Amino acid sequence: MEITSHITLNSFIACTLEL
């Protein structure tokens, strides 16, 4: 559960940094 949440959060952060 924590791993999936971490991956989702990391993906969101990466998307924000790309923008």
PDB file of N, CA and C in Angstrom:
ATOM      1  N   MET A   1       0.844  -1.197   0.000  1.00  0.00           N
ATOM      2  CA  MET A   1       0.000   0.000   0.000  1.00  0.00           C
ATOM      3  C   MET A   1       0.886   1.256   0.000  1.00  0.00           C
ATOM      4  N   GLU A   2       1.816   1.301   0.918  1.00  0.00           N
ATOM      5  CA  GLU A   2       2.686   2.483   1.003  1.00  0.00           C
ATOM      6  C   GLU A   2       3.503   2.661  -0.275  1.00  0.00           C
ATOM      7  N   ILE A   3       3.947   1.524  -0.839  1.00  0.00           N
ATOM      8  CA  ILE A   3       4.762   1.597  -2.054  1.00  0.00           C
ATOM      9  C   ILE A   3       3.951   2.224  -3.187  1.00  0.00           C
ATOM     10  N   THR A   4       2.712   1.759  -3.353  1.00  0.00           N
ATOM     11  CA  THR A   4       1.871   2.295  -4.434  1.00  0.00           C
ATOM     12  C   THR A   4       1.639   3.785  -4.229  1.00  0.00           C
ATOM     13  N   SER A   5       1.373   4.178  -2.991  1.00  0.00           N
ATOM     14  CA  SER A   5       1.124   5.581  -2.697  1.00  0.00           C
ATOM     15  C   SER A   5       2.375   6.398  -2.985  1.00  0.00           C
ATOM     16  N   HIS A   6       3.531   5.847  -2.631  1.00  0.00           N
ATOM     17  CA  HIS A   6       4.790   6.555  -2.856  1.00  0.00           C
ATOM     18  C   HIS A   6       5.033   6.744  -4.345  1.00  0.00           C
ATOM     19  N   ILE A   7       4.762   5.702  -5.129  1.00  0.00           N
ATOM     20  CA  ILE A   7       4.961   5.786  -6.579  1.00  0.00           C
ATOM     21  C   ILE A   7       4.032   6.849  -7.168  1.00  0.00           C
ATOM     22  N   THR A   8       2.784   6.868  -6.717  1.00  0.00           N
ATOM     23  CA  THR A   8       1.832   7.855  -7.235  1.00  0.00           C
ATOM     24  C   THR A   8       2.292   9.258  -6.887  1.00  0.00           C
ATOM     25  N   LEU A   9       2.715   9.456  -5.642  1.00  0.00           N
ATOM     26  CA  LEU A   9       3.171  10.772  -5.210  1.00  0.00           C
ATOM     27  C   LEU A   9       4.415  11.171  -5.988  1.00  0.00           C
ATOM     28  N   ASN A  10       5.350  10.227  -6.159  1.00  0.00           N
ATOM     29  CA  ASN A  10       6.577  10.517  -6.891  1.00  0.00           C
ATOM     30  C   ASN A  10       6.253  10.907  -8.329  1.00  0.00           C
ATOM     31  N   SER A  11       5.307  10.209  -8.939  1.00  0.00           N
ATOM     32  CA  SER A  11       4.916  10.506 -10.320  1.00  0.00           C
ATOM     33  C   SER A  11       4.313  11.905 -10.396  1.00  0.00           C
ATOM     34  N   PHE A  12       3.500  12.262  -9.408  1.00  0.00           N
ATOM     35  CA  PHE A  12       2.877  13.586  -9.378  1.00  0.00           C
ATOM     36  C   PHE A  12       3.944  14.670  -9.246  1.00  0.00           C
ATOM     37  N   ILE A  13       4.917  14.450  -8.371  1.00  0.00           N
ATOM     38  CA  ILE A  13       6.001  15.412  -8.175  1.00  0.00           C
ATOM     39  C   ILE A  13       6.798  15.563  -9.465  1.00  0.00           C
ATOM     40  N   ALA A  14       7.112  14.439 -10.110  1.00  0.00           N
ATOM     41  CA  ALA A  14       7.882  14.476 -11.356  1.00  0.00           C
ATOM     42  C   ALA A  14       7.116  15.280 -12.405  1.00  0.00           C
ATOM     43  N   CYS A  15       5.804  15.078 -12.481  1.00  0.00           N
ATOM     44  CA  CYS A  15       4.985  15.797 -13.461  1.00  0.00           C
ATOM     45  C   CYS A  15       5.017  17.292 -13.153  1.00  0.00           C
ATOM     46  N   THR A  16       4.955  17.649 -11.888  1.00  0.00           N
ATOM     47  CA  THR A  16       4.989  19.060 -11.497  1.00  0.00           C
ATOM     48  C   THR A  16       6.329  19.674 -11.866  1.00  0.00           C
ATOM     49  N   LEU A  17       7.418  18.946 -11.616  1.00  0.00           N
ATOM     50  CA  LEU A  17       8.749  19.459 -11.939  1.00  0.00           C
ATOM     51  C   LEU A  17       8.894  19.639 -13.445  1.00  0.00           C
ATOM     52  N   GLU A  18       8.310  18.723 -14.219  1.00  0.00           N
ATOM     53  CA  GLU A  18       8.386  18.833 -15.683  1.00  0.00           C
ATOM     54  C   GLU A  18       7.686  20.116 -16.123  1.00  0.00           C
ATOM     55  N   LEU A  19       6.563  20.441 -15.459  1.00  0.00           N
ATOM     56  CA  LEU A  19       5.848  21.670 -15.801  1.00  0.00           C
ATOM     57  C   LEU A  19       6.642  22.840 -15.258  1.00  0.00           C
TER      58      LEU A  19
END
